[in-house]
């Protein structure tokens, strides 16, 4: 069965253009105006951090948080959109400067778990059963500051607390090898899936694979996706592109390496991604140089690139490919793929 592809992005992907070396260069776009752009750009769903849905949630009671989330769900329905997932934004709070679930301070670890439970409340209210966990500060800057075995056990404890809190919610771990930490504890898809197997309910722990994060680990994103698909654990993807092993660039999908992008599209399509309701998520940044009127092109361009590469993939001659494989003539196979990418 071929893939079924619906697209999402998060409101943070329409942004002001600030970076570590300079201030904002574009005006903020109000959340409701962002929602009005989704369908126009060809997107069906919205990715959320918890405080995208409920700003200033730290000042609200759990009841107030749910009430605010209900109002957001009404807005989504008004725009014909659905929530893909909710992710607890743990990395920006002062209490998580040393990590959330793996902080050396027990009160900070408890804060991270309680904040995550509020994210689960928001997800249920918005109508999604998926929580994405980007373990941003769960790692070390100084290796001797933490015990890696103990840290894994702390991550398992946190996941078990969340699994017990809600009987149906699923957790997709988003692995990344570095940034903002020097070294992360769960750097790859294999680590994420293995972590899930240590929990009380591995059936509810899967992965969200981001292209750039796999590249930063020196890995090919399509291989990471294939690994997760083999385990039936690929519950979301964040497609983008990355120019080498540097900071996380979140470039337009296919902007750096068309062949690498083609293989991501191909593995998803070949193995029926989306048939169980999964979305194709984008996590792409507008170039800092873009003027405000053109600061959503990175989103529509990424979606367009996915669909064009999908067409390329489906037009590849399977008979020729299989013949090359039988003859072990990988030079001809490579040329066939390159020619297809060049329109030949």
Protein backbone atom coordinates (compact mmCIF):
# COMPACT_ATOMS: atom_id res chain seq x y z
CA UNK A 1 0.00 0.00 0.00
CA UNK A 2 1.46 3.42 -0.91
CA UNK A 3 1.76 6.17 1.65
CA UNK A 4 -1.06 8.54 2.56
CA UNK A 5 0.35 12.00 3.10
CA UNK A 6 -1.11 14.85 5.12
CA UNK A 7 1.13 17.67 6.28
CA UNK A 8 1.66 19.61 9.50
CA UNK A 9 3.94 22.26 10.93
CA UNK A 10 4.21 24.07 14.23
CA UNK A 11 3.43 27.76 14.74
CA UNK A 12 7.10 28.34 15.67
CA UNK A 13 7.95 27.76 12.01
CA UNK A 14 6.45 31.17 11.22
CA UNK A 15 8.82 33.29 13.24
CA UNK A 16 10.55 36.62 13.67
CA UNK A 17 13.96 35.58 12.38
CA UNK A 18 15.97 36.14 15.55
CA UNK A 19 19.06 33.95 15.93
CA UNK A 20 21.93 33.66 18.44
CA UNK A 21 23.75 36.45 16.61
CA UNK A 22 20.98 38.96 16.05
CA UNK A 23 17.54 40.21 17.06
CA UNK A 24 14.21 39.74 15.31
CA UNK A 25 13.97 41.03 11.75
CA UNK A 26 10.23 40.45 11.21
CA UNK A 27 7.15 41.35 13.24
CA UNK A 28 5.42 38.64 15.24
CA UNK A 29 2.39 37.00 13.64
CA UNK A 30 -0.48 36.39 16.09
CA UNK A 31 -1.41 32.75 16.64
CA UNK A 32 -4.88 33.11 15.13
CA UNK A 33 -3.43 34.63 11.96
CA UNK A 34 -1.03 31.71 11.71
CA UNK A 35 -3.92 29.24 11.94
CA UNK A 36 -5.62 31.01 9.04
CA UNK A 37 -2.56 30.31 6.86
CA UNK A 38 -2.43 26.52 7.28
CA UNK A 39 -5.04 25.47 4.73
CA UNK A 40 -3.88 28.14 2.27
CA UNK A 41 -0.40 26.61 2.40
CA UNK A 42 -1.76 23.07 1.96
CA UNK A 43 -1.51 21.81 5.56
CA UNK A 44 -4.09 19.82 7.52
CA UNK A 45 -2.66 19.70 11.03
CA UNK A 46 -0.86 21.69 13.70
CA UNK A 47 2.08 20.66 15.85
CA UNK A 48 2.01 22.18 19.34
CA UNK A 49 4.32 22.84 22.20
CA UNK A 50 2.22 22.92 25.36
CA UNK A 51 2.64 26.68 25.71
CA UNK A 52 1.84 27.29 22.02
CA UNK A 53 -1.64 26.08 22.91
CA UNK A 54 -1.77 27.62 26.39
CA UNK A 55 0.63 30.57 26.82
CA UNK A 56 1.77 31.41 30.37
CA UNK A 57 0.57 28.01 31.54
CA UNK A 58 2.94 28.16 34.52
CA UNK A 59 0.60 30.77 36.04
CA UNK A 60 -2.57 28.69 35.54
CA UNK A 61 -4.22 25.86 37.43
CA UNK A 62 -4.77 22.51 35.66
CA UNK A 63 -8.47 23.39 35.30
CA UNK A 64 -7.65 26.75 33.74
CA UNK A 65 -5.17 25.08 31.36
CA UNK A 66 -7.84 22.67 30.11
CA UNK A 67 -10.33 25.51 29.70
CA UNK A 68 -7.86 27.49 27.55
CA UNK A 69 -7.05 24.38 25.51
CA UNK A 70 -10.76 23.84 24.79
CA UNK A 71 -10.92 27.30 23.24
CA UNK A 72 -7.93 26.42 21.02
CA UNK A 73 -9.63 23.22 19.87
CA UNK A 74 -12.66 25.27 18.84
CA UNK A 75 -10.38 27.51 16.77
CA UNK A 76 -8.76 24.50 15.13
CA UNK A 77 -12.14 23.09 14.20
CA UNK A 78 -13.14 26.45 12.77
CA UNK A 79 -10.16 26.30 10.41
CA UNK A 80 -10.69 22.61 9.52
CA UNK A 81 -7.46 21.62 11.30
CA UNK A 82 -6.48 18.99 13.84
CA UNK A 83 -3.70 18.79 16.37
CA UNK A 84 -0.95 16.32 15.46
CA UNK A 85 0.84 16.28 18.81
CA UNK A 86 1.71 18.26 21.90
CA UNK A 87 5.29 18.55 23.19
CA UNK A 88 6.17 19.78 26.69
CA UNK A 89 8.58 22.69 26.27
CA UNK A 90 10.93 21.89 29.13
CA UNK A 91 14.15 23.42 27.85
CA UNK A 92 13.30 27.11 28.34
CA UNK A 93 12.39 27.08 32.04
CA UNK A 94 15.11 28.07 34.56
CA UNK A 95 14.33 24.91 36.50
CA UNK A 96 15.51 22.75 33.60
CA UNK A 97 18.86 24.42 32.99
CA UNK A 98 20.52 21.19 34.17
CA UNK A 99 18.01 18.99 32.37
CA UNK A 100 14.41 18.18 33.12
CA UNK A 101 13.93 14.48 33.76
CA UNK A 102 17.67 14.01 34.41
CA UNK A 103 18.35 17.11 36.48
CA UNK A 104 20.58 16.60 39.51
CA UNK A 105 17.90 18.43 41.52
CA UNK A 106 14.98 16.18 42.49
CA UNK A 107 12.55 19.12 42.70
CA UNK A 108 13.42 20.08 39.13
CA UNK A 109 12.88 16.50 37.96
CA UNK A 110 9.45 16.56 39.59
CA UNK A 111 8.66 19.88 37.92
CA UNK A 112 9.48 18.35 34.52
CA UNK A 113 7.15 15.41 35.15
CA UNK A 114 4.30 17.62 36.36
CA UNK A 115 4.75 19.96 33.38
CA UNK A 116 4.58 16.93 31.11
CA UNK A 117 1.33 15.82 32.72
CA UNK A 118 -0.14 19.24 31.90
CA UNK A 119 0.97 18.71 28.29
CA UNK A 120 -0.94 15.40 28.34
CA UNK A 121 -4.04 17.25 29.59
CA UNK A 122 -3.68 19.71 26.72
CA UNK A 123 -3.23 16.92 24.17
CA UNK A 124 -6.36 15.12 25.33
CA UNK A 125 -8.32 18.37 25.17
CA UNK A 126 -7.05 19.15 21.66
CA UNK A 127 -8.02 15.68 20.48
CA UNK A 128 -4.63 14.04 19.95
CA UNK A 129 -3.14 11.03 21.70
CA UNK A 130 0.47 11.81 20.75
CA UNK A 131 3.09 13.50 22.94
CA UNK A 132 6.45 14.28 21.36
CA UNK A 133 9.41 14.33 23.73
CA UNK A 134 12.43 16.25 22.49
CA UNK A 135 14.88 15.53 25.31
CA UNK A 136 16.68 18.82 24.70
CA UNK A 137 18.70 19.20 27.91
CA UNK A 138 18.77 15.55 28.91
CA UNK A 139 22.51 15.14 28.55
CA UNK A 140 25.79 16.58 29.75
CA UNK A 141 28.10 19.51 29.22
CA UNK A 142 30.61 18.05 31.70
CA UNK A 143 30.62 14.28 31.56
CA UNK A 144 31.41 13.78 35.24
CA UNK A 145 28.42 15.91 36.30
CA UNK A 146 25.97 13.06 35.74
CA UNK A 147 25.87 9.27 35.83
CA UNK A 148 24.65 8.02 32.43
CA UNK A 149 23.18 4.79 33.81
CA UNK A 150 21.29 6.70 36.46
CA UNK A 151 20.14 9.23 33.85
CA UNK A 152 18.60 6.49 31.70
CA UNK A 153 16.82 5.16 34.77
CA UNK A 154 15.51 8.67 35.48
CA UNK A 155 14.18 8.91 31.92
CA UNK A 156 12.44 5.56 32.33
CA UNK A 157 10.95 6.70 35.64
CA UNK A 158 9.60 9.87 34.03
CA UNK A 159 8.12 7.95 31.11
CA UNK A 160 6.49 5.46 33.46
CA UNK A 161 4.94 8.31 35.45
CA UNK A 162 3.48 9.74 32.24
CA UNK A 163 2.32 6.35 30.96
CA UNK A 164 0.51 5.76 34.25
CA UNK A 165 -1.07 9.21 34.16
CA UNK A 166 -3.07 8.50 31.00
CA UNK A 167 -3.92 5.00 29.73
CA UNK A 168 -4.07 5.81 26.00
CA UNK A 169 -1.56 8.58 25.30
CA UNK A 170 1.48 7.60 23.20
CA UNK A 171 4.97 9.09 23.44
CA UNK A 172 7.20 9.73 20.44
CA UNK A 173 10.79 10.43 21.47
CA UNK A 174 12.59 12.82 19.12
CA UNK A 175 16.30 11.90 19.25
CA UNK A 176 19.12 14.38 18.67
CA UNK A 177 22.84 13.89 19.36
CA UNK A 178 23.75 17.40 20.55
CA UNK A 179 22.60 21.02 20.87
CA UNK A 180 21.73 22.50 23.26
CA UNK A 181 23.70 19.95 25.27
CA UNK A 182 27.23 18.93 24.30
CA UNK A 183 26.16 15.27 24.31
CA UNK A 184 22.60 13.95 24.56
CA UNK A 185 21.68 10.70 26.31
CA UNK A 186 19.24 9.55 23.61
CA UNK A 187 21.03 10.60 20.41
CA UNK A 188 19.57 8.22 17.80
CA UNK A 189 16.46 6.30 16.81
CA UNK A 190 17.93 3.08 18.18
CA UNK A 191 18.50 4.67 21.58
CA UNK A 192 14.92 5.99 21.63
CA UNK A 193 13.36 2.63 20.77
CA UNK A 194 15.58 0.83 23.28
CA UNK A 195 14.56 3.33 25.97
CA UNK A 196 10.92 2.56 25.23
CA UNK A 197 11.55 -1.14 25.81
CA UNK A 198 12.66 -0.35 29.37
CA UNK A 199 9.33 1.26 30.23
CA UNK A 200 6.22 -0.26 31.75
CA UNK A 201 4.40 -0.15 28.38
CA UNK A 202 6.73 -0.24 25.35
CA UNK A 203 3.72 -0.43 23.01
CA UNK A 204 3.06 3.24 23.73
CA UNK A 205 6.59 4.55 23.20
CA UNK A 206 7.81 5.25 19.67
CA UNK A 207 9.79 7.89 17.80
CA UNK A 208 9.57 11.12 15.86
CA UNK A 209 12.49 11.30 13.42
CA UNK A 210 13.82 14.68 12.31
CA UNK A 211 15.97 14.71 9.17
CA UNK A 212 18.51 17.21 10.51
CA UNK A 213 18.91 15.41 13.83
CA UNK A 214 19.80 12.17 12.06
CA UNK A 215 22.28 14.00 9.83
CA UNK A 216 23.88 15.63 12.89
CA UNK A 217 24.46 12.11 14.23
CA UNK A 218 26.25 11.22 10.99
CA UNK A 219 23.36 8.99 9.93
CA UNK A 220 21.06 8.87 6.91
CA UNK A 221 17.48 9.90 7.80
CA UNK A 222 15.89 7.34 5.47
CA UNK A 223 17.79 4.52 7.20
CA UNK A 224 16.64 5.79 10.59
CA UNK A 225 13.07 5.87 9.28
CA UNK A 226 13.41 2.34 7.93
CA UNK A 227 14.70 1.14 11.29
CA UNK A 228 11.73 2.69 13.08
CA UNK A 229 9.27 1.35 10.49
CA UNK A 230 10.65 -2.16 11.00
CA UNK A 231 9.81 -1.79 14.68
CA UNK A 232 6.39 -0.22 13.90
CA UNK A 233 7.52 2.80 15.92
CA UNK A 234 7.57 5.64 13.39
CA UNK A 235 4.70 7.79 14.62
CA UNK A 236 5.79 11.17 13.25
CA UNK A 237 8.53 12.77 11.17
CA UNK A 238 10.06 16.24 11.04
CA UNK A 239 11.35 16.75 7.53
CA UNK A 240 13.93 19.42 6.73
CA UNK A 241 17.50 19.55 5.46
CA UNK A 242 20.92 20.13 6.89
CA UNK A 243 24.20 21.38 5.44
CA UNK A 244 26.80 19.30 7.26
CA UNK A 245 27.57 18.52 10.90
CA UNK A 246 27.03 21.91 12.48
CA UNK A 247 24.15 23.54 14.31
CA UNK A 248 20.56 22.47 13.59
CA UNK A 249 19.69 24.48 10.46
CA UNK A 250 16.13 23.33 9.70
CA UNK A 251 16.51 24.17 6.03
CA UNK A 252 13.76 23.68 3.44
CA UNK A 253 13.27 19.98 2.71
CA UNK A 254 15.50 18.92 -0.18
CA UNK A 255 17.40 22.21 -0.26
CA UNK A 256 20.81 20.59 0.36
CA UNK A 257 20.62 17.00 -0.89
CA UNK A 258 17.84 16.01 -3.27
CA UNK A 259 18.84 12.35 -3.34
CA UNK A 260 18.84 12.14 0.44
CA UNK A 261 15.41 13.76 0.45
CA UNK A 262 14.17 11.40 -2.27
CA UNK A 263 15.12 8.38 -0.18
CA UNK A 264 13.19 9.73 2.81
CA UNK A 265 10.09 10.17 0.66
CA UNK A 266 10.63 6.74 -0.91
CA UNK A 267 10.94 4.79 2.33
CA UNK A 268 7.81 6.44 3.71
CA UNK A 269 5.82 5.78 0.54
CA UNK A 270 7.08 2.23 0.01
CA UNK A 271 6.03 1.17 3.50
CA UNK A 272 2.64 2.84 3.66
CA UNK A 273 3.43 5.64 6.06
CA UNK A 274 0.25 7.54 6.94
CA UNK A 275 -2.08 4.56 6.63
CA UNK A 276 -2.54 4.58 10.41
CA UNK A 277 -3.13 8.34 10.56
CA UNK A 278 0.48 9.49 10.80
CA UNK A 279 1.27 12.96 9.48
CA UNK A 280 4.25 14.28 7.54
CA UNK A 281 5.50 17.03 9.81
CA UNK A 282 7.84 19.79 8.74
CA UNK A 283 10.25 21.60 11.03
CA UNK A 284 11.77 24.27 8.83
CA UNK A 285 12.92 27.83 9.47
CA UNK A 286 12.47 30.80 7.17
CA UNK A 287 15.76 32.35 6.13
CA UNK A 288 16.62 35.35 8.25
CA UNK A 289 16.85 37.40 5.04
CA UNK A 290 13.21 36.76 4.07
CA UNK A 291 10.86 39.75 4.19
CA UNK A 292 7.68 39.22 6.18
CA UNK A 293 5.47 38.84 3.09
CA UNK A 294 7.57 35.88 1.91
CA UNK A 295 8.26 34.27 5.29
CA UNK A 296 6.02 31.24 4.73
CA UNK A 297 7.57 30.09 1.46
CA UNK A 298 9.85 27.65 3.28
CA UNK A 299 6.72 25.76 4.34
CA UNK A 300 4.90 25.64 1.00
CA UNK A 301 8.22 24.95 -0.77
CA UNK A 302 9.02 22.02 1.52
CA UNK A 303 5.60 20.50 0.93
CA UNK A 304 5.95 21.03 -2.81
CA UNK A 305 9.39 19.38 -2.78
CA UNK A 306 8.01 16.36 -0.95
CA UNK A 307 5.23 15.93 -3.52
CA UNK A 308 7.58 16.41 -6.49
CA UNK A 309 9.99 13.87 -5.08
CA UNK A 310 7.07 11.53 -4.44
CA UNK A 311 6.26 11.77 -8.14
CA UNK A 312 9.92 11.08 -9.02
CA UNK A 313 9.99 8.07 -6.71
CA UNK A 314 6.79 6.60 -8.13
CA UNK A 315 8.07 7.07 -11.70
CA UNK A 316 11.25 5.09 -11.06
CA UNK A 317 11.30 1.92 -13.15
CA UNK A 318 10.98 -0.92 -10.65
CA UNK A 319 11.74 -3.46 -13.38
CA UNK A 320 15.02 -1.75 -14.18
CA UNK A 321 15.86 -1.35 -10.51
CA UNK A 322 15.24 -5.05 -9.82
CA UNK A 323 17.25 -6.04 -12.89
CA UNK A 324 20.19 -3.94 -11.69
CA UNK A 325 19.95 -5.54 -8.27
CA UNK A 326 19.87 -9.06 -9.74
CA UNK A 327 22.92 -8.30 -11.88
CA UNK A 328 24.57 -6.42 -8.99
CA UNK A 329 25.04 -3.52 -11.39
CA UNK A 330 24.81 -0.71 -8.89
CA UNK A 331 26.42 1.79 -11.27
CA UNK A 332 23.41 1.51 -13.59
CA UNK A 333 21.08 1.65 -10.60
CA UNK A 334 22.74 4.84 -9.42
CA UNK A 335 22.56 6.40 -12.87
CA UNK A 336 18.87 5.54 -13.12
CA UNK A 337 18.17 7.38 -9.85
CA UNK A 338 20.33 10.37 -10.77
CA UNK A 339 18.73 10.61 -14.21
CA UNK A 340 15.27 10.58 -12.61
CA UNK A 341 16.27 13.41 -10.27
CA UNK A 342 17.53 15.40 -13.25
CA UNK A 343 14.29 14.89 -15.16
CA UNK A 344 15.66 12.23 -17.49
